[in-house]
Amino acid sequence: MATRRTFEEVKFSAMGTTAHVLVTEPAPHFGVDWAQERVARLEARWSRFDPESEVSRLNASSGMPMPVSSDTTLLLQRASAACELTNGRFNPFVGNAIAHLGYDTTFTQIATRELDRLSEARDPQPVPPATVTINHEANVVSYSPQVSFDPGGIGKGLAADLVVEELIASGAGGALVSLGGDLRVAGQPPSHITWNIEVNEPGVDGAGGHVIALTAGAVATSTNARRTWLAGGTQHHHIIDATTGASAASNISLVTVVAGAGWWAEAAATAIMCGQVADHMPPNLSALIVDSTGAVHVHGQMKDHLAPRRSPEGVAS
């Protein structure tokens, strides 16, 4: 019989998506309430839609060095590393490009405003290379003035990493943090031996029915079926190909990546959506890819992670 452990669980809105936090055997003062507050602090630092956030102020700094929190220093370090590891297929400096296509405010506002306000999307242009300078000791950072940083998915992945790691360090028996399609787990789940993560994207043929079993690590899902909008008579989505400045054109509908950390799983999933061949990614990554016909392809050790459907308890989607 599976071991049952005490746990706390909460779902809430954060970072433009639905957050799901589950903590088994939480330490005093470090349960789901603490986790929700921690996510809110990260969002306040990283939102490109809040003019007072550190990211917005960096984007407005014209390339001048600026002191930031250690969280933002780490985010820029991880984002720059991911760009290098994927040979630029993942590029976090596409903020101007995505704004030019019409995604210049929160997606909730885009979804509700009149279409004629989105009728003048500018012609896409390739994203220029970015030079990032980071003083880790002083937490002072800068980057090229001609680019704009968009934390997007990598911010969600790193936020999941930070909150899970801090919960475990506080003494929790286990933790799961999911921010939309970006999820990190560690420690013991409420029951079963593994954390069971369901891949289920409405409207993507072949995406349903898969359960990924993990003892620890991260899962990130990227798809062009969500966050779409009409601008200039053209349908756009939020995954930007930096080589063109336009929404990535691909025969892939969905990518789910398993990796050791959320920031890297997210970057790898985005890189594959932008044309990185999964078999040519760095090692220690596993991928499930659904193409435009609904056919499913697995790469790396993904077969070892796939499990049959189980009871809803302990399953996160």
C-alpha atoms as a PDB file:
ATOM      1  CA  MET A   1       0.000   0.000   0.000  1.00  0.00           C
ATOM      2  CA  ALA A   2       1.259   3.464  -0.871  1.00  0.00           C
ATOM      3  CA  THR A   3       2.502   5.643   1.962  1.00  0.00           C
ATOM      4  CA  ARG A   4       0.231   8.587   2.733  1.00  0.00           C
ATOM      5  CA  ARG A   5       1.772  11.809   3.944  1.00  0.00           C
ATOM      6  CA  THR A   6       0.242  15.021   5.221  1.00  0.00           C
ATOM      7  CA  PHE A   7       0.269  17.835   2.696  1.00  0.00           C
ATOM      8  CA  GLU A   8      -0.964  21.336   1.911  1.00  0.00           C
ATOM      9  CA  GLU A   9      -2.093  22.409  -1.536  1.00  0.00           C
ATOM     10  CA  VAL A  10      -3.230  25.628  -3.209  1.00  0.00           C
ATOM     11  CA  LYS A  11      -3.955  26.946  -6.703  1.00  0.00           C
ATOM     12  CA  PHE A  12      -3.865  30.660  -7.520  1.00  0.00           C
ATOM     13  CA  SER A  13      -3.276  33.113 -10.356  1.00  0.00           C
ATOM     14  CA  ALA A  14       0.303  34.296 -10.851  1.00  0.00           C
ATOM     15  CA  MET A  15       2.664  35.263 -13.674  1.00  0.00           C
ATOM     16  CA  GLY A  16      -0.188  35.336 -16.174  1.00  0.00           C
ATOM     17  CA  THR A  17      -1.146  31.722 -15.547  1.00  0.00           C
ATOM     18  CA  THR A  18      -2.439  29.299 -12.909  1.00  0.00           C
ATOM     19  CA  ALA A  19      -0.005  28.353 -10.176  1.00  0.00           C
ATOM     20  CA  HIS A  20      -0.237  25.054  -8.309  1.00  0.00           C
ATOM     21  CA  VAL A  21       1.745  24.478  -5.112  1.00  0.00           C
ATOM     22  CA  LEU A  22       1.765  21.281  -3.083  1.00  0.00           C
ATOM     23  CA  VAL A  23       3.935  20.790   0.007  1.00  0.00           C
ATOM     24  CA  THR A  24       4.194  17.489   1.868  1.00  0.00           C
ATOM     25  CA  GLU A  25       4.986  17.585   5.579  1.00  0.00           C
ATOM     26  CA  PRO A  26       5.638  21.346   5.489  1.00  0.00           C
ATOM     27  CA  ALA A  27       7.911  23.022   8.017  1.00  0.00           C
ATOM     28  CA  PRO A  28       6.387  25.654  10.324  1.00  0.00           C
ATOM     29  CA  HIS A  29       5.885  28.973   8.505  1.00  0.00           C
ATOM     30  CA  PHE A  30       7.025  27.463   5.176  1.00  0.00           C
ATOM     31  CA  GLY A  31       3.856  26.037   3.689  1.00  0.00           C
ATOM     32  CA  VAL A  32       1.730  27.021   0.729  1.00  0.00           C
ATOM     33  CA  ASP A  33       1.034  30.537   2.073  1.00  0.00           C
ATOM     34  CA  TRP A  34       4.760  31.263   2.168  1.00  0.00           C
ATOM     35  CA  ALA A  35       5.162  29.800  -1.329  1.00  0.00           C
ATOM     36  CA  GLN A  36       2.365  31.974  -2.723  1.00  0.00           C
ATOM     37  CA  GLU A  37       3.974  35.087  -1.243  1.00  0.00           C
ATOM     38  CA  ARG A  38       7.373  34.096  -2.659  1.00  0.00           C
ATOM     39  CA  VAL A  39       5.925  33.688  -6.150  1.00  0.00           C
ATOM     40  CA  ALA A  40       4.256  37.098  -5.837  1.00  0.00           C
ATOM     41  CA  ARG A  41       7.595  38.721  -4.923  1.00  0.00           C
ATOM     42  CA  LEU A  42       9.285  37.145  -7.930  1.00  0.00           C
ATOM     43  CA  GLU A  43       6.477  38.292 -10.214  1.00  0.00           C
ATOM     44  CA  ALA A  44       6.808  41.847  -8.880  1.00  0.00           C
ATOM     45  CA  ARG A  45      10.512  41.796  -9.793  1.00  0.00           C
ATOM     46  CA  TRP A  46      10.227  40.119 -13.188  1.00  0.00           C
ATOM     47  CA  SER A  47       6.988  41.266 -14.849  1.00  0.00           C
ATOM     48  CA  ARG A  48       7.591  43.161 -18.095  1.00  0.00           C
ATOM     49  CA  PHE A  49       4.095  44.647 -17.744  1.00  0.00           C
ATOM     50  CA  ASP A  50       4.787  46.367 -14.394  1.00  0.00           C
ATOM     51  CA  PRO A  51       6.766  49.567 -15.031  1.00  0.00           C
ATOM     52  CA  GLU A  52       8.179  49.389 -11.494  1.00  0.00           C
ATOM     53  CA  SER A  53       9.558  45.857 -11.813  1.00  0.00           C
ATOM     54  CA  GLU A  54      13.296  45.333 -12.004  1.00  0.00           C
ATOM     55  CA  VAL A  55      12.967  43.874 -15.499  1.00  0.00           C
ATOM     56  CA  SER A  56      10.967  46.870 -16.760  1.00  0.00           C
ATOM     57  CA  ARG A  57      13.460  49.289 -15.263  1.00  0.00           C
ATOM     58  CA  LEU A  58      16.329  47.356 -16.853  1.00  0.00           C
ATOM     59  CA  ASN A  59      14.586  47.498 -20.221  1.00  0.00           C
ATOM     60  CA  ALA A  60      14.239  51.266 -19.811  1.00  0.00           C
ATOM     61  CA  SER A  61      17.824  51.787 -18.597  1.00  0.00           C
ATOM     62  CA  SER A  62      19.351  52.227 -22.087  1.00  0.00           C
ATOM     63  CA  GLY A  63      22.047  49.696 -21.275  1.00  0.00           C
ATOM     64  CA  MET A  64      23.294  51.421 -18.120  1.00  0.00           C
ATOM     65  CA  PRO A  65      24.358  49.136 -15.238  1.00  0.00           C
ATOM     66  CA  MET A  66      21.653  48.804 -12.595  1.00  0.00           C
ATOM     67  CA  PRO A  67      21.602  47.222  -9.128  1.00  0.00           C
ATOM     68  CA  VAL A  68      18.996  44.471  -8.816  1.00  0.00           C
ATOM     69  CA  SER A  69      18.030  41.713  -6.417  1.00  0.00           C
ATOM     70  CA  SER A  70      19.965  38.464  -6.295  1.00  0.00           C
ATOM     71  CA  ASP A  71      16.875  36.786  -7.808  1.00  0.00           C
ATOM     72  CA  THR A  72      17.092  38.958 -10.919  1.00  0.00           C
ATOM     73  CA  THR A  73      20.863  38.504 -11.177  1.00  0.00           C
ATOM     74  CA  LEU A  74      20.300  34.738 -11.166  1.00  0.00           C
ATOM     75  CA  LEU A  75      17.513  35.028 -13.740  1.00  0.00           C
ATOM     76  CA  LEU A  76      19.737  36.917 -16.180  1.00  0.00           C
ATOM     77  CA  GLN A  77      22.580  34.471 -15.579  1.00  0.00           C
ATOM     78  CA  ARG A  78      20.333  31.476 -16.305  1.00  0.00           C
ATOM     79  CA  ALA A  79      18.720  33.156 -19.322  1.00  0.00           C
ATOM     80  CA  SER A  80      22.108  34.019 -20.839  1.00  0.00           C
ATOM     81  CA  ALA A  81      23.393  30.489 -20.211  1.00  0.00           C
ATOM     82  CA  ALA A  82      20.315  28.973 -21.857  1.00  0.00           C
ATOM     83  CA  CYS A  83      20.749  31.187 -24.914  1.00  0.00           C
ATOM     84  CA  GLU A  84      24.348  30.020 -25.268  1.00  0.00           C
ATOM     85  CA  LEU A  85      23.553  26.338 -24.660  1.00  0.00           C
ATOM     86  CA  THR A  86      20.899  26.348 -27.392  1.00  0.00           C
ATOM     87  CA  ASN A  87      23.002  28.350 -29.871  1.00  0.00           C
ATOM     88  CA  GLY A  88      20.495  31.179 -29.681  1.00  0.00           C
ATOM     89  CA  ARG A  89      17.408  29.081 -30.498  1.00  0.00           C
ATOM     90  CA  PHE A  90      16.168  30.079 -27.076  1.00  0.00           C
ATOM     91  CA  ASN A  91      16.583  33.834 -26.849  1.00  0.00           C
ATOM     92  CA  PRO A  92      15.184  35.763 -23.870  1.00  0.00           C
ATOM     93  CA  PHE A  93      15.829  39.172 -25.455  1.00  0.00           C
ATOM     94  CA  VAL A  94      12.780  39.173 -27.740  1.00  0.00           C
ATOM     95  CA  GLY A  95      10.738  41.680 -25.725  1.00  0.00           C
ATOM     96  CA  ASN A  96      10.694  44.289 -28.495  1.00  0.00           C
ATOM     97  CA  ALA A  97       9.847  41.700 -31.137  1.00  0.00           C
ATOM     98  CA  ILE A  98       6.885  40.273 -29.259  1.00  0.00           C
ATOM     99  CA  ALA A  99       5.602  43.767 -28.415  1.00  0.00           C
ATOM    100  CA  HIS A 100       5.831  44.757 -32.102  1.00  0.00           C
ATOM    101  CA  LEU A 101       3.594  41.807 -32.947  1.00  0.00           C
ATOM    102  CA  GLY A 102       0.944  43.088 -30.551  1.00  0.00           C
ATOM    103  CA  TYR A 103       1.764  41.287 -27.287  1.00  0.00           C
ATOM    104  CA  ASP A 104       2.530  44.543 -25.493  1.00  0.00           C
ATOM    105  CA  THR A 105       0.312  44.078 -22.454  1.00  0.00           C
ATOM    106  CA  THR A 106      -0.970  41.210 -20.322  1.00  0.00           C
ATOM    107  CA  PHE A 107      -2.624  38.461 -22.307  1.00  0.00           C
ATOM    108  CA  THR A 108      -5.867  38.959 -20.409  1.00  0.00           C
ATOM    109  CA  GLN A 109      -6.019  42.501 -21.772  1.00  0.00           C
ATOM    110  CA  ILE A 110      -5.082  41.353 -25.277  1.00  0.00           C
ATOM    111  CA  ALA A 111      -7.871  38.779 -25.221  1.00  0.00           C
ATOM    112  CA  THR A 112     -10.483  41.382 -24.293  1.00  0.00           C
ATOM    113  CA  ARG A 113      -9.507  44.455 -26.283  1.00  0.00           C
ATOM    114  CA  GLU A 114     -10.957  45.203 -29.693  1.00  0.00           C
ATOM    115  CA  LEU A 115      -9.305  43.552 -32.677  1.00  0.00           C
ATOM    116  CA  ASP A 116      -8.904  46.828 -34.566  1.00  0.00           C
ATOM    117  CA  ARG A 117      -6.380  47.937 -31.950  1.00  0.00           C
ATOM    118  CA  LEU A 118      -4.253  45.007 -33.040  1.00  0.00           C
ATOM    119  CA  SER A 119      -4.511  45.764 -36.750  1.00  0.00           C
ATOM    120  CA  GLU A 120      -1.136  47.509 -37.077  1.00  0.00           C
ATOM    121  CA  ALA A 121       1.418  44.961 -35.946  1.00  0.00           C
ATOM    122  CA  ARG A 122       4.830  46.010 -37.271  1.00  0.00           C
ATOM    123  CA  ASP A 123       6.785  43.905 -39.726  1.00  0.00           C
ATOM    124  CA  PRO A 124       9.007  41.517 -37.749  1.00  0.00           C
ATOM    125  CA  GLN A 125      12.761  42.068 -37.729  1.00  0.00           C
ATOM    126  CA  PRO A 126      15.537  39.702 -36.551  1.00  0.00           C
ATOM    127  CA  VAL A 127      16.502  40.230 -32.918  1.00  0.00           C
ATOM    128  CA  PRO A 128      19.999  41.714 -32.586  1.00  0.00           C
ATOM    129  CA  PRO A 129      22.504  39.831 -30.426  1.00  0.00           C
ATOM    130  CA  ALA A 130      22.631  40.861 -26.792  1.00  0.00           C
ATOM    131  CA  THR A 131      25.705  41.474 -24.664  1.00  0.00           C
ATOM    132  CA  VAL A 132      25.002  40.829 -20.980  1.00  0.00           C
ATOM    133  CA  THR A 133      27.251  42.022 -18.154  1.00  0.00           C
ATOM    134  CA  ILE A 134      26.729  40.667 -14.645  1.00  0.00           C
ATOM    135  CA  ASN A 135      28.558  41.660 -11.469  1.00  0.00           C
ATOM    136  CA  HIS A 136      27.549  38.769  -9.214  1.00  0.00           C
ATOM    137  CA  GLU A 137      29.104  40.156  -6.041  1.00  0.00           C
ATOM    138  CA  ALA A 138      27.324  43.504  -6.275  1.00  0.00           C
ATOM    139  CA  ASN A 139      24.190  42.263  -8.118  1.00  0.00           C
ATOM    140  CA  VAL A 140      24.669  44.911 -10.797  1.00  0.00           C
ATOM    141  CA  VAL A 141      23.640  43.986 -14.335  1.00  0.00           C
ATOM    142  CA  SER A 142      23.283  45.495 -17.792  1.00  0.00           C
ATOM    143  CA  TYR A 143      22.606  44.429 -21.353  1.00  0.00           C
ATOM    144  CA  SER A 144      22.641  45.894 -24.825  1.00  0.00           C
ATOM    145  CA  PRO A 145      20.297  48.902 -25.136  1.00  0.00           C
ATOM    146  CA  GLN A 146      18.861  47.716 -28.477  1.00  0.00           C
ATOM    147  CA  VAL A 147      17.227  44.635 -26.945  1.00  0.00           C
ATOM    148  CA  SER A 148      14.461  44.072 -24.397  1.00  0.00           C
ATOM    149  CA  PHE A 149      14.464  41.233 -21.882  1.00  0.00           C
ATOM    150  CA  ASP A 150      11.310  39.092 -21.689  1.00  0.00           C
ATOM    151  CA  PRO A 151      11.553  36.599 -18.791  1.00  0.00           C
ATOM    152  CA  GLY A 152       8.478  34.736 -20.075  1.00  0.00           C
ATOM    153  CA  GLY A 153       8.741  31.000 -19.593  1.00  0.00           C
ATOM    154  CA  ILE A 154      12.261  30.898 -18.178  1.00  0.00           C
ATOM    155  CA  GLY A 155      11.099  33.182 -15.376  1.00  0.00           C
ATOM    156  CA  LYS A 156       8.322  30.730 -14.537  1.00  0.00           C
ATOM    157  CA  GLY A 157      10.718  27.796 -14.668  1.00  0.00           C
ATOM    158  CA  LEU A 158      13.266  29.502 -12.432  1.00  0.00           C
ATOM    159  CA  ALA A 159      10.547  30.642 -10.026  1.00  0.00           C
ATOM    160  CA  ALA A 160       9.414  27.024  -9.666  1.00  0.00           C
ATOM    161  CA  ASP A 161      13.030  25.994  -9.039  1.00  0.00           C
ATOM    162  CA  LEU A 162      13.611  28.630  -6.374  1.00  0.00           C
ATOM    163  CA  VAL A 163      10.412  28.004  -4.449  1.00  0.00           C
ATOM    164  CA  VAL A 164      10.815  24.219  -4.442  1.00  0.00           C
ATOM    165  CA  GLU A 165      14.465  24.413  -3.402  1.00  0.00           C
ATOM    166  CA  GLU A 166      13.673  26.857  -0.613  1.00  0.00           C
ATOM    167  CA  LEU A 167      10.773  24.730   0.644  1.00  0.00           C
ATOM    168  CA  ILE A 168      12.990  21.647   0.785  1.00  0.00           C
ATOM    169  CA  ALA A 169      15.756  23.641   2.499  1.00  0.00           C
ATOM    170  CA  SER A 170      13.205  24.751   5.118  1.00  0.00           C
ATOM    171  CA  GLY A 171      12.587  21.103   6.026  1.00  0.00           C
ATOM    172  CA  ALA A 172       9.561  20.167   3.907  1.00  0.00           C
ATOM    173  CA  GLY A 173       9.237  16.489   3.067  1.00  0.00           C
ATOM    174  CA  GLY A 174       8.445  17.262  -0.552  1.00  0.00           C
ATOM    175  CA  ALA A 175       7.320  20.067  -2.824  1.00  0.00           C
ATOM    176  CA  LEU A 176       5.717  20.657  -6.198  1.00  0.00           C
ATOM    177  CA  VAL A 177       5.464  24.074  -7.836  1.00  0.00           C
ATOM    178  CA  SER A 178       3.806  24.470 -11.224  1.00  0.00           C
ATOM    179  CA  LEU A 179       3.476  27.780 -13.064  1.00  0.00           C
ATOM    180  CA  GLY A 180       1.483  27.033 -16.178  1.00  0.00           C
ATOM    181  CA  GLY A 181       3.536  24.549 -18.161  1.00  0.00           C
ATOM    182  CA  ASP A 182       6.656  24.932 -16.022  1.00  0.00           C
ATOM    183  CA  LEU A 183       6.946  22.579 -13.052  1.00  0.00           C
ATOM    184  CA  ARG A 184       9.558  21.456 -10.524  1.00  0.00           C
ATOM    185  CA  VAL A 185       9.336  18.686  -7.920  1.00  0.00           C
ATOM    186  CA  ALA A 186      11.581  17.393  -5.152  1.00  0.00           C
ATOM    187  CA  GLY A 187      11.258  15.142  -2.120  1.00  0.00           C
ATOM    188  CA  GLN A 188       8.316  12.919  -1.301  1.00  0.00           C
ATOM    189  CA  PRO A 189       4.880  13.216  -2.967  1.00  0.00           C
ATOM    190  CA  PRO A 190       1.695  12.839  -0.884  1.00  0.00           C
ATOM    191  CA  SER A 191       1.393   9.199  -1.968  1.00  0.00           C
ATOM    192  CA  HIS A 192       2.962   6.820  -4.472  1.00  0.00           C
ATOM    193  CA  ILE A 193       6.699   6.682  -4.992  1.00  0.00           C
ATOM    194  CA  THR A 194       6.832   9.266  -7.776  1.00  0.00           C
ATOM    195  CA  TRP A 195       5.334  12.595  -8.701  1.00  0.00           C
ATOM    196  CA  ASN A 196       3.005  11.974 -11.645  1.00  0.00           C
ATOM    197  CA  ILE A 197       2.741  14.838 -14.127  1.00  0.00           C
ATOM    198  CA  GLU A 198      -0.002  14.760 -16.749  1.00  0.00           C
ATOM    199  CA  VAL A 199       0.615  16.216 -20.208  1.00  0.00           C
ATOM    200  CA  ASN A 200      -2.740  17.377 -21.497  1.00  0.00           C
ATOM    201  CA  GLU A 201      -3.111  20.352 -23.832  1.00  0.00           C
ATOM    202  CA  PRO A 202      -6.633  20.995 -25.126  1.00  0.00           C
ATOM    203  CA  GLY A 203      -6.682  21.362 -28.878  1.00  0.00           C
ATOM    204  CA  VAL A 204      -3.374  19.550 -29.463  1.00  0.00           C
ATOM    205  CA  ASP A 205      -3.932  16.111 -30.969  1.00  0.00           C
ATOM    206  CA  GLY A 206      -1.687  13.506 -29.347  1.00  0.00           C
ATOM    207  CA  ALA A 207      -0.935  15.593 -26.243  1.00  0.00           C
ATOM    208  CA  GLY A 208      -3.395  13.869 -23.914  1.00  0.00           C
ATOM    209  CA  GLY A 209      -3.013  10.622 -22.069  1.00  0.00           C
ATOM    210  CA  HIS A 210       0.649  10.892 -21.129  1.00  0.00           C
ATOM    211  CA  VAL A 211       1.802  10.811 -17.514  1.00  0.00           C
ATOM    212  CA  ILE A 212       5.416  11.602 -16.641  1.00  0.00           C
ATOM    213  CA  ALA A 213       6.681   9.965 -13.441  1.00  0.00           C
ATOM    214  CA  LEU A 214       9.490  11.753 -11.584  1.00  0.00           C
ATOM    215  CA  THR A 215      11.235  11.304  -8.270  1.00  0.00           C
ATOM    216  CA  ALA A 216      12.793  14.753  -8.701  1.00  0.00           C
ATOM    217  CA  GLY A 217      13.381  17.258 -11.464  1.00  0.00           C
ATOM    218  CA  ALA A 218      11.439  19.505 -13.789  1.00  0.00           C
ATOM    219  CA  VAL A 219       8.937  19.366 -16.621  1.00  0.00           C
ATOM    220  CA  ALA A 220       8.237  22.175 -19.077  1.00  0.00           C
ATOM    221  CA  THR A 221       5.688  22.199 -21.869  1.00  0.00           C
ATOM    222  CA  SER A 222       5.737  24.650 -24.776  1.00  0.00           C
ATOM    223  CA  THR A 223       2.988  24.835 -27.376  1.00  0.00           C
ATOM    224  CA  ASN A 224       1.853  27.187 -30.107  1.00  0.00           C
ATOM    225  CA  ALA A 225      -1.790  26.337 -29.356  1.00  0.00           C
ATOM    226  CA  ARG A 226      -1.980  28.767 -26.435  1.00  0.00           C
ATOM    227  CA  ARG A 227      -1.437  32.534 -26.176  1.00  0.00           C
ATOM    228  CA  THR A 228      -2.404  33.311 -29.751  1.00  0.00           C
ATOM    229  CA  TRP A 229      -3.775  36.589 -31.092  1.00  0.00           C
ATOM    230  CA  LEU A 230      -4.675  38.297 -34.356  1.00  0.00           C
ATOM    231  CA  ALA A 231      -2.688  41.323 -35.480  1.00  0.00           C
ATOM    232  CA  GLY A 232      -2.274  42.851 -38.914  1.00  0.00           C
ATOM    233  CA  GLY A 233      -4.536  40.153 -40.322  1.00  0.00           C
ATOM    234  CA  THR A 234      -2.110  37.456 -39.159  1.00  0.00           C
ATOM    235  CA  GLN A 235      -2.393  34.914 -36.369  1.00  0.00           C
ATOM    236  CA  HIS A 236       0.552  35.111 -33.974  1.00  0.00           C
ATOM    237  CA  HIS A 237       1.681  33.112 -30.969  1.00  0.00           C
ATOM    238  CA  HIS A 238       4.038  33.895 -28.097  1.00  0.00           C
ATOM    239  CA  ILE A 239       6.996  31.683 -29.097  1.00  0.00           C
ATOM    240  CA  ILE A 240       9.306  34.050 -30.974  1.00  0.00           C
ATOM    241  CA  ASP A 241      12.038  32.940 -33.367  1.00  0.00           C
ATOM    242  CA  ALA A 242      14.837  35.443 -32.776  1.00  0.00           C
ATOM    243  CA  THR A 243      16.275  34.857 -36.251  1.00  0.00           C
ATOM    244  CA  THR A 244      13.138  36.375 -37.810  1.00  0.00           C
ATOM    245  CA  GLY A 245      11.462  38.298 -34.974  1.00  0.00           C
ATOM    246  CA  ALA A 246       8.205  36.508 -35.865  1.00  0.00           C
ATOM    247  CA  SER A 247       6.243  33.735 -34.195  1.00  0.00           C
ATOM    248  CA  ALA A 248       8.123  30.496 -34.708  1.00  0.00           C
ATOM    249  CA  ALA A 249       7.044  28.595 -37.823  1.00  0.00           C
ATOM    250  CA  SER A 250       7.244  24.886 -37.119  1.00  0.00           C
ATOM    251  CA  ASN A 251       5.592  21.561 -37.807  1.00  0.00           C
ATOM    252  CA  ILE A 252       5.651  20.949 -34.051  1.00  0.00           C
ATOM    253  CA  SER A 253       2.518  21.582 -31.994  1.00  0.00           C
ATOM    254  CA  LEU A 254       3.839  20.756 -28.533  1.00  0.00           C
ATOM    255  CA  VAL A 255       7.089  19.926 -26.771  1.00  0.00           C
ATOM    256  CA  THR A 256       7.406  18.559 -23.237  1.00  0.00           C
ATOM    257  CA  VAL A 257      10.920  18.389 -21.799  1.00  0.00           C
ATOM    258  CA  VAL A 258      12.163  16.667 -18.650  1.00  0.00           C
ATOM    259  CA  ALA A 259      15.352  18.083 -17.120  1.00  0.00           C
ATOM    260  CA  GLY A 260      16.985  18.620 -13.764  1.00  0.00           C
ATOM    261  CA  ALA A 261      15.816  22.219 -13.411  1.00  0.00           C
ATOM    262  CA  GLY A 262      12.781  24.193 -14.539  1.00  0.00           C
ATOM    263  CA  TRP A 263      14.693  27.045 -16.166  1.00  0.00           C
ATOM    264  CA  TRP A 264      16.587  24.639 -18.402  1.00  0.00           C
ATOM    265  CA  ALA A 265      13.562  22.476 -19.241  1.00  0.00           C
ATOM    266  CA  GLU A 266      11.690  25.610 -20.349  1.00  0.00           C
ATOM    267  CA  ALA A 267      14.568  26.940 -22.437  1.00  0.00           C
ATOM    268  CA  ALA A 268      15.064  23.575 -24.142  1.00  0.00           C
ATOM    269  CA  ALA A 269      11.355  23.214 -24.925  1.00  0.00           C
ATOM    270  CA  THR A 270      11.285  26.688 -26.474  1.00  0.00           C
ATOM    271  CA  ALA A 271      14.452  25.979 -28.464  1.00  0.00           C
ATOM    272  CA  ILE A 272      12.899  22.842 -29.955  1.00  0.00           C
ATOM    273  CA  MET A 273       9.766  24.807 -30.886  1.00  0.00           C
ATOM    274  CA  CYS A 274      12.086  27.301 -32.629  1.00  0.00           C
ATOM    275  CA  GLY A 275      13.859  24.662 -34.695  1.00  0.00           C
ATOM    276  CA  GLN A 276      16.498  23.086 -32.435  1.00  0.00           C
ATOM    277  CA  VAL A 277      16.661  19.370 -33.281  1.00  0.00           C
ATOM    278  CA  ALA A 278      15.888  17.443 -30.091  1.00  0.00           C
ATOM    279  CA  ASP A 279      18.602  14.863 -30.784  1.00  0.00           C
ATOM    280  CA  HIS A 280      21.173  17.671 -30.965  1.00  0.00           C
ATOM    281  CA  MET A 281      20.340  19.209 -27.592  1.00  0.00           C
ATOM    282  CA  PRO A 282      22.863  18.960 -24.744  1.00  0.00           C
ATOM    283  CA  PRO A 283      22.736  15.684 -22.742  1.00  0.00           C
ATOM    284  CA  ASN A 284      20.508  14.928 -19.738  1.00  0.00           C
ATOM    285  CA  LEU A 285      17.349  16.090 -21.479  1.00  0.00           C
ATOM    286  CA  SER A 286      14.325  14.030 -22.470  1.00  0.00           C
ATOM    287  CA  ALA A 287      11.617  15.263 -24.823  1.00  0.00           C
ATOM    288  CA  LEU A 288       8.128  14.302 -25.939  1.00  0.00           C
ATOM    289  CA  ILE A 289       7.198  16.028 -29.193  1.00  0.00           C
ATOM    290  CA  VAL A 290       3.787  16.184 -30.836  1.00  0.00           C
ATOM    291  CA  ASP A 291       3.926  17.201 -34.489  1.00  0.00           C
ATOM    292  CA  SER A 292       1.240  18.977 -36.478  1.00  0.00           C
ATOM    293  CA  THR A 293      -0.303  15.642 -37.534  1.00  0.00           C
ATOM    294  CA  GLY A 294      -0.757  14.570 -33.905  1.00  0.00           C
ATOM    295  CA  ALA A 295       2.040  11.987 -34.083  1.00  0.00           C
ATOM    296  CA  VAL A 296       4.097  11.609 -30.900  1.00  0.00           C
ATOM    297  CA  HIS A 297       7.897  11.302 -30.903  1.00  0.00           C
ATOM    298  CA  VAL A 298      10.113  10.640 -27.863  1.00  0.00           C
ATOM    299  CA  HIS A 299      13.776  11.542 -27.461  1.00  0.00           C
ATOM    300  CA  GLY A 300      16.429  10.832 -24.866  1.00  0.00           C
ATOM    301  CA  GLN A 301      15.188   8.885 -21.849  1.00  0.00           C
ATOM    302  CA  MET A 302      11.559  10.013 -22.107  1.00  0.00           C
ATOM    303  CA  LYS A 303      10.328   6.416 -22.427  1.00  0.00           C
ATOM    304  CA  ASP A 304      11.724   5.754 -18.947  1.00  0.00           C
ATOM    305  CA  HIS A 305       9.662   8.634 -17.537  1.00  0.00           C
ATOM    306  CA  LEU A 306       6.348   7.780 -19.178  1.00  0.00           C
ATOM    307  CA  ALA A 307       3.915   5.931 -16.931  1.00  0.00           C
ATOM    308  CA  PRO A 308       0.336   4.695 -17.303  1.00  0.00           C
ATOM    309  CA  ARG A 309      -2.424   6.926 -16.008  1.00  0.00           C
ATOM    310  CA  ARG A 310      -2.880   6.721 -12.249  1.00  0.00           C
ATOM    311  CA  SER A 311      -5.360   8.000  -9.733  1.00  0.00           C
ATOM    312  CA  PRO A 312      -5.743  11.814  -9.657  1.00  0.00           C
ATOM    313  CA  GLU A 313      -4.053  12.085  -6.260  1.00  0.00           C
ATOM    314  CA  GLY A 314      -0.488  13.256  -6.709  1.00  0.00           C
ATOM    315  CA  VAL A 315      -0.996  14.134 -10.365  1.00  0.00           C
ATOM    316  CA  ALA A 316      -0.354  17.668 -11.600  1.00  0.00           C
ATOM    317  CA  SER A 317      -1.216  18.968 -15.035  1.00  0.00           C
END
